[in-house]
Protein backbone atom coordinates (compact mmCIF):
# COMPACT_ATOMS: atom_id res chain seq x y z
CA UNK A 1 150.20 170.81 -5.01
CA UNK A 2 147.74 172.09 -2.51
CA UNK A 3 148.65 173.56 1.16
CA UNK A 4 145.99 171.56 3.98
CA UNK A 5 145.58 173.33 7.57
CA UNK A 6 144.32 170.42 10.06
CA UNK A 7 142.69 173.57 11.56
CA UNK A 8 141.76 171.05 15.08
CA UNK A 9 145.65 171.04 15.75
CA UNK A 10 146.66 174.07 14.75
CA UNK A 11 147.30 176.36 18.08
CA UNK A 12 148.41 180.18 15.28
CA UNK A 13 152.12 179.82 16.70
CA UNK A 14 153.24 181.99 12.76
CA UNK A 15 155.80 179.27 12.84
CA UNK A 16 154.85 178.02 9.45
CA UNK A 17 154.22 182.04 8.45
CA UNK A 18 158.46 182.95 8.93
CA UNK A 19 158.82 180.58 7.19
CA UNK A 20 157.03 181.14 3.82
CA UNK A 21 155.35 184.60 4.75
CA UNK A 22 153.67 184.55 1.38
CA UNK A 23 152.29 181.69 2.11
CA UNK A 24 150.89 181.92 5.80
CA UNK A 25 149.89 185.24 7.57
CA UNK A 26 148.76 184.90 11.21
CA UNK A 27 146.70 187.97 12.61
CA UNK A 28 146.91 190.77 14.98
CA UNK A 29 144.02 188.34 17.22
CA UNK A 30 146.61 184.70 16.44
CA UNK A 31 144.49 183.15 13.50
CA UNK A 32 146.21 181.61 10.61
CA UNK A 33 145.56 182.45 6.90
CA UNK A 34 146.89 180.59 4.12
CA UNK A 35 146.40 183.39 1.51
CA UNK A 36 147.23 180.75 -1.27
CA UNK A 37 146.42 176.87 -1.03
CA UNK A 38 147.47 176.26 -4.64
CA UNK A 39 151.59 175.85 -4.08
CA UNK A 40 153.71 176.88 -7.20
CA UNK A 41 157.08 176.12 -7.88
CA UNK A 42 157.80 179.45 -6.79
CA UNK A 43 156.91 178.95 -2.94
CA UNK A 44 156.85 174.84 -2.61
CA UNK A 45 160.65 174.74 -0.78
CA UNK A 46 159.84 177.93 2.24
CA UNK A 47 155.91 175.53 1.95
CA UNK A 48 157.33 172.01 2.68
CA UNK A 49 159.76 174.10 5.06
CA UNK A 50 156.80 175.12 6.87
CA UNK A 51 155.57 171.41 6.44
CA UNK A 52 157.94 170.00 8.32
CA UNK A 53 158.54 172.58 11.19
CA UNK A 54 154.78 173.54 12.65
CA UNK A 55 155.45 171.90 16.18
CA UNK A 56 151.30 170.67 16.09
CA UNK A 57 152.58 169.27 12.69
CA UNK A 58 148.71 170.82 10.92
CA UNK A 59 150.41 171.48 7.69
CA UNK A 60 150.73 168.80 4.67
CA UNK A 61 151.15 169.08 1.02
CA UNK A 62 148.59 166.56 -1.23
CA UNK A 63 148.98 166.83 -4.89
């Protein structure tokens, strides 16, 4: 699976980094960084949760 960020929608609120800290990181300037865009089985549940709770609906998973 691959995580896709719609950068036009993302406002860097950091909810995804709380849900999946091994995949998402918010820097000191409140900018989102995707640490890995290929999601393995170990990260899948966390990333699914991050996608669900994103208030801007800026995240999605694709095969």
